[in-house]
Amino acid sequence: MVTPDDLFFQKVTDLIEQHLDDAGFDGEALEQALSLSRMQLYRKLKSLTNRSPVEFIRLVRLKRAASLLQTEPFSVAEVAYRVGFNDPAYFSRAFRKEFGQAPSEKRVTP
């Protein structure tokens, strides 16, 4: 059975994925897209994922990056830009913090 929380989670994830390459898509843009206040969105996402909206957006971006690194022959910098990071060095730090390894360790070998 699909719960309202499941539907909300799917809608949030879909919105983030639709704007994946837009580095400007942040918590505020997500609030506007969902027609929720900052606190409503924060409380709902925190209860579902134990992450703030900004942290959740970053997680979705990093998961997509991991997938791209494993399936496509893009450079780490190309993947960073494709998933909405403006700074490949920051992307690498965030990736290592989330997954415990450097993005280059996830790359597919050509």
N, C-alpha and C. Protein backbone atom coordinates (compact mmCIF):
# COMPACT_ATOMS: atom_id res chain seq x y z
N MET A 1 0.84 -1.19 0.00
CA MET A 1 0.00 0.00 0.00
C MET A 1 0.88 1.25 0.00
N VAL A 2 0.57 2.17 -0.87
CA VAL A 2 1.34 3.40 -0.98
C VAL A 2 0.77 4.43 -0.01
N THR A 3 1.64 4.95 0.83
CA THR A 3 1.21 5.92 1.84
C THR A 3 1.40 7.35 1.30
N PRO A 4 0.75 8.32 1.93
CA PRO A 4 0.98 9.71 1.54
C PRO A 4 2.46 10.11 1.68
N ASP A 5 3.14 9.56 2.68
CA ASP A 5 4.56 9.84 2.83
C ASP A 5 5.37 9.30 1.65
N ASP A 6 5.01 8.12 1.17
CA ASP A 6 5.68 7.54 0.01
C ASP A 6 5.48 8.44 -1.22
N LEU A 7 4.26 8.92 -1.39
CA LEU A 7 3.96 9.79 -2.53
C LEU A 7 4.73 11.10 -2.43
N PHE A 8 4.80 11.66 -1.24
CA PHE A 8 5.54 12.90 -1.02
C PHE A 8 7.02 12.69 -1.33
N PHE A 9 7.59 11.61 -0.79
CA PHE A 9 9.00 11.30 -1.00
C PHE A 9 9.29 11.15 -2.49
N GLN A 10 8.42 10.46 -3.21
CA GLN A 10 8.61 10.26 -4.64
C GLN A 10 8.52 11.58 -5.40
N LYS A 11 7.58 12.43 -5.00
CA LYS A 11 7.42 13.72 -5.66
C LYS A 11 8.66 14.59 -5.45
N VAL A 12 9.18 14.61 -4.23
CA VAL A 12 10.38 15.39 -3.93
C VAL A 12 11.56 14.87 -4.75
N THR A 13 11.74 13.56 -4.75
CA THR A 13 12.85 12.96 -5.49
C THR A 13 12.74 13.25 -6.98
N ASP A 14 11.54 13.13 -7.52
CA ASP A 14 11.32 13.42 -8.95
C ASP A 14 11.65 14.88 -9.28
N LEU A 15 11.21 15.80 -8.41
CA LEU A 15 11.51 17.22 -8.64
C LEU A 15 13.01 17.48 -8.65
N ILE A 16 13.71 16.87 -7.72
CA ILE A 16 15.16 17.05 -7.66
C ILE A 16 15.81 16.48 -8.92
N GLU A 17 15.37 15.31 -9.33
CA GLU A 17 15.95 14.68 -10.52
C GLU A 17 15.67 15.51 -11.78
N GLN A 18 14.50 16.14 -11.85
CA GLN A 18 14.17 16.98 -13.01
C GLN A 18 15.10 18.19 -13.10
N HIS A 19 15.61 18.64 -11.96
CA HIS A 19 16.48 19.82 -11.92
C HIS A 19 17.92 19.45 -11.56
N LEU A 20 18.30 18.23 -11.84
CA LEU A 20 19.59 17.71 -11.40
C LEU A 20 20.76 18.55 -11.88
N ASP A 21 20.73 18.99 -13.12
CA ASP A 21 21.88 19.73 -13.66
C ASP A 21 21.82 21.22 -13.34
N ASP A 22 20.80 21.65 -12.61
CA ASP A 22 20.63 23.05 -12.24
C ASP A 22 21.24 23.27 -10.85
N ALA A 23 22.44 23.83 -10.82
CA ALA A 23 23.13 24.06 -9.54
C ALA A 23 22.37 25.03 -8.66
N GLY A 24 21.49 25.84 -9.25
CA GLY A 24 20.71 26.80 -8.49
C GLY A 24 19.47 26.21 -7.85
N PHE A 25 19.17 24.95 -8.15
CA PHE A 25 18.00 24.31 -7.54
C PHE A 25 18.36 23.92 -6.12
N ASP A 26 17.81 24.67 -5.18
CA ASP A 26 18.15 24.47 -3.77
C ASP A 26 16.89 24.27 -2.95
N GLY A 27 17.04 24.34 -1.64
CA GLY A 27 15.91 24.14 -0.75
C GLY A 27 14.78 25.12 -1.01
N GLU A 28 15.14 26.36 -1.30
CA GLU A 28 14.12 27.38 -1.56
C GLU A 28 13.34 27.06 -2.84
N ALA A 29 14.04 26.64 -3.87
CA ALA A 29 13.38 26.27 -5.12
C ALA A 29 12.46 25.06 -4.91
N LEU A 30 12.91 24.13 -4.08
CA LEU A 30 12.09 22.95 -3.77
C LEU A 30 10.84 23.37 -3.01
N GLU A 31 10.99 24.28 -2.06
CA GLU A 31 9.83 24.80 -1.31
C GLU A 31 8.80 25.38 -2.27
N GLN A 32 9.27 26.21 -3.19
CA GLN A 32 8.37 26.86 -4.15
C GLN A 32 7.69 25.84 -5.05
N ALA A 33 8.44 24.86 -5.51
CA ALA A 33 7.88 23.86 -6.40
C ALA A 33 6.81 23.01 -5.71
N LEU A 34 6.97 22.82 -4.42
CA LEU A 34 6.01 22.02 -3.65
C LEU A 34 4.93 22.86 -2.98
N SER A 35 5.06 24.18 -3.07
CA SER A 35 4.14 25.11 -2.41
C SER A 35 4.08 24.87 -0.90
N LEU A 36 5.26 24.71 -0.31
CA LEU A 36 5.36 24.51 1.13
C LEU A 36 6.24 25.60 1.72
N SER A 37 6.03 25.88 3.00
CA SER A 37 6.91 26.82 3.68
C SER A 37 8.22 26.11 3.98
N ARG A 38 9.22 26.90 4.33
CA ARG A 38 10.53 26.34 4.66
C ARG A 38 10.41 25.33 5.81
N MET A 39 9.66 25.70 6.85
CA MET A 39 9.54 24.81 8.01
C MET A 39 8.72 23.56 7.69
N GLN A 40 7.68 23.70 6.89
CA GLN A 40 6.89 22.51 6.52
C GLN A 40 7.77 21.50 5.79
N LEU A 41 8.51 21.99 4.81
CA LEU A 41 9.38 21.11 4.04
C LEU A 41 10.46 20.51 4.92
N TYR A 42 11.06 21.33 5.76
CA TYR A 42 12.12 20.85 6.65
C TYR A 42 11.60 19.74 7.55
N ARG A 43 10.48 19.99 8.22
CA ARG A 43 9.92 18.99 9.15
C ARG A 43 9.58 17.69 8.44
N LYS A 44 8.94 17.81 7.28
CA LYS A 44 8.51 16.62 6.55
C LYS A 44 9.71 15.80 6.08
N LEU A 45 10.69 16.45 5.46
CA LEU A 45 11.87 15.71 4.98
C LEU A 45 12.69 15.16 6.14
N LYS A 46 12.82 15.93 7.20
CA LYS A 46 13.60 15.49 8.35
C LYS A 46 12.95 14.24 8.96
N SER A 47 11.62 14.21 9.02
CA SER A 47 10.94 13.05 9.59
C SER A 47 11.06 11.81 8.69
N LEU A 48 11.08 12.04 7.36
CA LEU A 48 11.15 10.92 6.43
C LEU A 48 12.58 10.43 6.18
N THR A 49 13.54 11.36 6.14
CA THR A 49 14.89 10.99 5.70
C THR A 49 15.97 11.28 6.73
N ASN A 50 15.61 11.99 7.77
CA ASN A 50 16.56 12.45 8.78
C ASN A 50 17.62 13.39 8.18
N ARG A 51 17.23 14.08 7.11
CA ARG A 51 18.09 15.06 6.45
C ARG A 51 17.31 16.33 6.18
N SER A 52 18.03 17.44 6.18
CA SER A 52 17.41 18.72 5.81
C SER A 52 17.18 18.72 4.30
N PRO A 53 16.39 19.66 3.79
CA PRO A 53 16.19 19.72 2.33
C PRO A 53 17.50 19.84 1.55
N VAL A 54 18.40 20.69 2.02
CA VAL A 54 19.69 20.86 1.33
C VAL A 54 20.49 19.56 1.35
N GLU A 55 20.50 18.89 2.49
CA GLU A 55 21.23 17.62 2.59
C GLU A 55 20.60 16.56 1.70
N PHE A 56 19.27 16.55 1.63
CA PHE A 56 18.59 15.56 0.80
C PHE A 56 18.85 15.81 -0.68
N ILE A 57 18.81 17.07 -1.09
CA ILE A 57 19.11 17.40 -2.49
C ILE A 57 20.53 16.95 -2.83
N ARG A 58 21.48 17.22 -1.94
CA ARG A 58 22.86 16.80 -2.16
C ARG A 58 22.95 15.27 -2.26
N LEU A 59 22.21 14.55 -1.40
CA LEU A 59 22.23 13.09 -1.44
C LEU A 59 21.72 12.56 -2.77
N VAL A 60 20.62 13.11 -3.26
CA VAL A 60 20.07 12.66 -4.55
C VAL A 60 21.09 12.92 -5.66
N ARG A 61 21.72 14.09 -5.62
CA ARG A 61 22.75 14.41 -6.63
C ARG A 61 23.92 13.44 -6.55
N LEU A 62 24.36 13.15 -5.33
CA LEU A 62 25.51 12.25 -5.16
C LEU A 62 25.18 10.82 -5.58
N LYS A 63 23.97 10.36 -5.30
CA LYS A 63 23.58 9.01 -5.73
C LYS A 63 23.54 8.91 -7.24
N ARG A 64 23.03 9.95 -7.90
CA ARG A 64 23.03 9.94 -9.36
C ARG A 64 24.45 9.98 -9.90
N ALA A 65 25.31 10.76 -9.24
CA ALA A 65 26.71 10.83 -9.65
C ALA A 65 27.37 9.46 -9.53
N ALA A 66 27.10 8.75 -8.44
CA ALA A 66 27.67 7.41 -8.27
C ALA A 66 27.22 6.50 -9.40
N SER A 67 25.96 6.60 -9.76
CA SER A 67 25.43 5.80 -10.86
C SER A 67 26.12 6.15 -12.18
N LEU A 68 26.26 7.44 -12.45
CA LEU A 68 26.94 7.86 -13.69
C LEU A 68 28.39 7.40 -13.72
N LEU A 69 29.06 7.51 -12.59
CA LEU A 69 30.47 7.11 -12.54
C LEU A 69 30.64 5.62 -12.83
N GLN A 70 29.66 4.83 -12.43
CA GLN A 70 29.75 3.38 -12.63
C GLN A 70 29.30 2.93 -14.02
N THR A 71 28.53 3.79 -14.70
CA THR A 71 27.98 3.35 -15.98
C THR A 71 28.44 4.14 -17.20
N GLU A 72 29.00 5.33 -16.99
CA GLU A 72 29.39 6.18 -18.10
C GLU A 72 30.87 6.53 -18.01
N PRO A 73 31.52 6.72 -19.15
CA PRO A 73 32.95 7.02 -19.13
C PRO A 73 33.27 8.51 -18.97
N PHE A 74 32.48 9.24 -18.18
CA PHE A 74 32.72 10.66 -17.96
C PHE A 74 33.82 10.85 -16.92
N SER A 75 34.48 12.00 -17.00
CA SER A 75 35.46 12.35 -15.96
C SER A 75 34.69 12.74 -14.70
N VAL A 76 35.40 12.77 -13.59
CA VAL A 76 34.79 13.15 -12.33
C VAL A 76 34.22 14.56 -12.43
N ALA A 77 34.97 15.47 -13.04
CA ALA A 77 34.50 16.85 -13.19
C ALA A 77 33.23 16.91 -14.03
N GLU A 78 33.18 16.16 -15.13
CA GLU A 78 31.98 16.14 -15.98
C GLU A 78 30.77 15.65 -15.20
N VAL A 79 30.96 14.62 -14.41
CA VAL A 79 29.86 14.09 -13.60
C VAL A 79 29.43 15.14 -12.59
N ALA A 80 30.38 15.80 -11.95
CA ALA A 80 30.05 16.84 -10.96
C ALA A 80 29.15 17.90 -11.60
N TYR A 81 29.52 18.39 -12.77
CA TYR A 81 28.71 19.41 -13.43
C TYR A 81 27.34 18.87 -13.86
N ARG A 82 27.29 17.62 -14.30
CA ARG A 82 26.03 17.02 -14.75
C ARG A 82 25.02 16.86 -13.62
N VAL A 83 25.50 16.73 -12.39
CA VAL A 83 24.57 16.54 -11.27
C VAL A 83 24.43 17.81 -10.43
N GLY A 84 24.87 18.95 -10.97
CA GLY A 84 24.57 20.22 -10.34
C GLY A 84 25.59 20.77 -9.36
N PHE A 85 26.80 20.26 -9.39
CA PHE A 85 27.86 20.83 -8.55
C PHE A 85 28.69 21.77 -9.41
N ASN A 86 28.95 22.98 -8.91
CA ASN A 86 29.77 23.94 -9.66
C ASN A 86 31.25 23.76 -9.40
N ASP A 87 31.60 23.06 -8.34
CA ASP A 87 32.99 22.93 -7.92
C ASP A 87 33.35 21.44 -7.79
N PRO A 88 34.13 20.90 -8.73
CA PRO A 88 34.49 19.49 -8.66
C PRO A 88 35.22 19.10 -7.37
N ALA A 89 35.99 20.03 -6.80
CA ALA A 89 36.69 19.71 -5.55
C ALA A 89 35.69 19.53 -4.41
N TYR A 90 34.69 20.40 -4.33
CA TYR A 90 33.65 20.26 -3.31
C TYR A 90 32.86 18.97 -3.55
N PHE A 91 32.57 18.70 -4.82
CA PHE A 91 31.87 17.46 -5.18
C PHE A 91 32.64 16.25 -4.66
N SER A 92 33.94 16.24 -4.87
CA SER A 92 34.76 15.10 -4.43
C SER A 92 34.74 14.96 -2.91
N ARG A 93 34.82 16.08 -2.19
CA ARG A 93 34.76 16.03 -0.72
C ARG A 93 33.41 15.50 -0.24
N ALA A 94 32.33 16.01 -0.84
CA ALA A 94 30.98 15.58 -0.46
C ALA A 94 30.78 14.10 -0.78
N PHE A 95 31.29 13.67 -1.93
CA PHE A 95 31.17 12.27 -2.35
C PHE A 95 31.90 11.37 -1.37
N ARG A 96 33.12 11.74 -1.02
CA ARG A 96 33.91 10.94 -0.08
C ARG A 96 33.23 10.87 1.29
N LYS A 97 32.68 11.99 1.73
CA LYS A 97 32.00 12.02 3.03
C LYS A 97 30.78 11.11 3.02
N GLU A 98 30.03 11.10 1.93
CA GLU A 98 28.80 10.32 1.85
C GLU A 98 29.07 8.83 1.64
N PHE A 99 30.01 8.49 0.77
CA PHE A 99 30.21 7.10 0.38
C PHE A 99 31.50 6.47 0.90
N GLY A 100 32.37 7.26 1.52
CA GLY A 100 33.59 6.72 2.10
C GLY A 100 34.68 6.40 1.08
N GLN A 101 34.54 6.88 -0.12
CA GLN A 101 35.57 6.69 -1.14
C GLN A 101 35.51 7.83 -2.14
N ALA A 102 36.61 8.04 -2.81
CA ALA A 102 36.70 9.12 -3.80
C ALA A 102 35.87 8.76 -5.03
N PRO A 103 35.35 9.76 -5.71
CA PRO A 103 34.59 9.48 -6.93
C PRO A 103 35.41 8.71 -7.97
N SER A 104 36.70 8.98 -8.03
CA SER A 104 37.53 8.29 -9.01
C SER A 104 37.60 6.78 -8.74
N GLU A 105 37.36 6.38 -7.51
CA GLU A 105 37.36 4.95 -7.18
C GLU A 105 36.09 4.27 -7.67
N LYS A 106 35.05 5.03 -7.95
CA LYS A 106 33.79 4.48 -8.45
C LYS A 106 33.73 4.46 -9.97
N ARG A 107 34.66 5.17 -10.61
CA ARG A 107 34.61 5.32 -12.07
C ARG A 107 34.71 4.01 -12.80
N VAL A 108 33.97 3.93 -13.89
CA VAL A 108 34.05 2.79 -14.78
C VAL A 108 35.36 2.92 -15.56
N THR A 109 36.01 1.83 -15.78
CA THR A 109 37.26 1.89 -16.55
C THR A 109 36.92 1.77 -18.03
N PRO A 110 37.46 2.68 -18.84
CA PRO A 110 37.12 2.66 -20.29
C PRO A 110 37.64 1.44 -20.99
